[in-house]
Protein backbone atom coordinates (compact mmCIF):
# COMPACT_ATOMS: atom_id res chain seq x y z
CA MET A 1 -0.12 -0.22 0.06
CA PHE A 2 1.16 3.18 -0.72
CA LEU A 3 0.49 6.25 0.72
CA PHE A 4 0.54 10.09 -0.77
CA SER A 5 0.44 13.81 -0.02
CA CYS A 6 -0.37 16.56 -2.16
CA ASP A 7 1.26 18.86 0.28
CA ARG A 8 4.68 16.95 -0.20
CA GLU A 9 7.09 17.34 -2.72
CA LYS A 10 7.15 15.45 -5.73
CA ASP A 11 4.54 12.61 -4.35
CA ILE A 12 7.38 11.54 -1.70
CA PRO A 13 5.16 8.24 0.51
CA LEU A 14 4.04 9.50 3.61
CA ASP A 15 6.24 7.21 5.15
CA GLU A 16 9.37 8.44 3.56
CA PHE A 17 11.59 11.35 5.15
CA THR A 18 14.88 13.09 4.54
CA ILE A 19 17.29 14.37 7.15
CA ASN A 20 20.66 15.64 6.80
CA SER A 21 23.82 16.89 9.10
CA ALA A 22 23.23 21.02 8.14
CA ASP A 23 19.38 21.23 8.86
CA PHE A 24 19.61 20.63 13.04
CA LYS A 25 16.72 17.99 12.47
CA GLY A 26 15.95 14.24 13.36
CA PHE A 27 13.19 11.80 13.14
CA SER A 28 10.54 11.21 16.01
CA PHE A 29 8.98 8.04 15.61
CA GLU A 30 6.14 9.28 18.30
CA LEU A 31 4.77 12.65 16.30
CA PHE A 32 6.18 10.33 12.81
CA LYS A 33 7.98 13.52 11.44
CA VAL A 34 10.88 15.39 11.12
CA VAL A 35 11.68 17.35 14.18
CA ASP A 36 13.97 21.06 15.13
CA PHE A 37 16.31 20.23 17.45
CA PRO A 38 17.11 21.63 20.02
CA GLY A 39 13.57 22.20 20.16
CA SER A 40 10.39 21.12 21.90
CA GLN A 41 10.58 17.46 20.71
CA LYS A 42 13.54 15.41 21.50
CA PRO A 43 14.20 13.27 18.21
CA ASP A 44 14.50 9.87 18.48
CA PHE A 45 17.56 9.81 16.30
CA PHE A 46 19.62 12.93 13.88
CA VAL A 47 22.37 12.26 10.95
CA LEU A 48 26.01 13.13 11.48
CA VAL A 49 28.79 12.89 9.09
CA GLN A 50 31.18 10.37 10.22
CA ILE A 51 34.74 11.34 9.32
CA GLU A 52 37.91 9.35 9.23
CA THR A 53 41.09 10.30 11.57
CA HIS A 54 42.34 11.54 8.20
CA GLY A 55 39.81 13.74 7.77
CA GLU A 56 38.12 12.01 4.99
CA LEU A 57 34.66 11.95 4.71
CA LYS A 58 33.06 8.17 5.25
CA GLY A 59 28.98 8.43 5.26
CA PRO A 60 26.38 9.13 7.53
CA TYR A 61 25.93 7.77 10.90
CA LEU A 62 22.78 8.08 13.22
CA SER A 63 22.89 9.03 17.06
CA HIS A 64 20.74 10.06 19.34
CA THR A 65 20.78 13.60 21.28
CA ASP A 66 21.66 11.57 24.90
CA LEU A 67 24.04 9.54 23.21
CA GLU A 68 22.48 5.90 24.61
CA ALA A 69 22.44 2.91 23.30
CA ARG A 70 19.39 2.73 20.88
CA PHE A 71 20.56 1.56 17.34
CA PHE A 72 20.38 -1.88 15.69
CA LEU A 73 21.53 -3.07 12.25
CA ALA A 74 18.55 -5.59 11.48
CA GLY A 75 19.77 -6.46 7.96
CA GLU A 76 21.34 -5.25 4.93
CA PHE A 77 20.92 -6.27 1.36
CA GLU A 78 22.14 -6.17 -1.83
CA ASP A 79 19.10 -4.95 -3.34
CA SER A 80 15.88 -2.67 -2.48
CA GLU A 81 13.64 -5.10 -3.66
CA SER A 82 15.04 -7.39 -0.74
CA ALA A 83 15.57 -5.01 1.69
CA LYS A 84 11.98 -3.49 1.28
CA ALA A 85 10.80 -7.39 1.51
CA PHE A 86 12.37 -7.93 4.77
CA TYR A 87 11.42 -4.24 6.06
CA ILE A 88 7.88 -4.62 5.40
CA SER A 89 7.64 -8.08 7.39
CA TYR A 90 10.66 -7.46 10.32
CA LEU A 91 9.41 -7.78 14.07
CA PRO A 92 12.12 -8.31 16.46
CA SER A 93 11.38 -11.65 18.38
CA GLN A 94 14.36 -10.87 20.84
CA GLU A 95 15.99 -8.69 22.80
CA GLN A 96 18.47 -7.20 21.28
CA THR A 97 21.95 -5.91 21.90
CA LEU A 98 21.47 -1.90 20.90
CA GLN A 99 24.83 0.02 20.10
CA GLN A 100 25.13 3.80 21.18
CA PHE A 101 25.62 5.19 16.87
CA ALA A 102 24.08 3.56 13.94
CA LEU A 103 27.49 3.72 12.06
CA ASN A 104 28.58 3.11 8.49
CA ILE A 105 25.09 3.53 7.02
CA GLU A 106 24.16 2.13 3.79
CA PRO A 107 20.89 2.10 1.24
CA ASN A 108 19.47 -1.54 1.53
CA GLN A 109 19.79 -1.61 4.98
CA VAL A 110 16.96 -1.80 8.39
CA TRP A 111 17.93 -0.38 11.30
CA LEU A 112 15.75 -0.97 14.78
CA ILE A 113 16.10 2.14 16.98
CA LYS A 114 14.73 2.72 20.39
CA THR A 115 12.75 5.69 20.64
CA ASN A 116 12.23 8.36 23.61
CA SER A 117 9.18 6.43 25.46
CA GLY A 118 11.24 2.90 24.92
CA ASN A 119 9.14 1.60 22.40
CA PHE A 120 10.87 0.70 19.09
CA GLY A 121 10.60 1.91 15.74
CA LYS A 122 12.59 0.31 12.22
CA ILE A 123 13.77 2.66 9.28
CA LEU A 124 14.45 1.01 6.00
CA ILE A 125 17.76 3.57 4.15
CA ILE A 126 16.97 4.13 0.24
CA LYS A 127 19.34 6.83 -0.07
CA THR A 128 22.72 8.17 1.83
CA LYS A 129 24.67 11.02 0.50
CA SER A 130 28.18 13.02 2.18
CA GLY A 131 30.18 15.56 1.03
CA GLN A 132 31.17 19.52 1.77
CA ILE A 133 28.27 22.12 1.29
CA ASP A 134 31.02 25.69 1.73
CA ASP A 135 33.62 23.38 3.16
CA ASN A 136 31.77 21.68 5.68
CA PRO A 137 31.06 18.20 6.62
CA PHE A 138 27.92 17.14 5.18
CA ALA A 139 25.68 13.82 5.24
CA GLU A 140 22.13 13.21 4.13
CA ILE A 141 19.65 10.10 4.36
CA VAL A 142 16.48 9.31 2.81
CA PHE A 143 14.55 6.48 4.60
CA LYS A 144 10.98 4.98 5.19
CA ALA A 145 10.03 4.34 9.03
CA GLU A 146 7.62 2.76 11.01
CA LEU A 147 6.50 2.81 14.31
CA LEU A 148 6.28 -1.20 15.75
């Protein structure tokens, strides 16, 4: 099932979002939207750019404002169809060992994320981008989201 809204650009599905390291925004599963931070709503996660020790950009990673362990890589796939099929059916069946950061974010990954309220959400990484904007490191992800 696809949900579309006329309010969003180019008929983007309602469960698809974009956040980047330059906008000071994160994602809230409970509000099911991109939120400003700092702001009145604490995001469940936000994106930063991972930088190697020699200054080379490695790509995007996810973090939480309190630097708590909230991330679990549930699966990564060679193609988008396999990733989407896993994402649609994935429900965590056991206690997962959560990580402080979601490192090495790549397309076709499914991440389980603990929310601020203690629930869980999952995201499917659709696209990633990293580089420089005005000599500042930049990272962006496009993802589908679902509160479990």
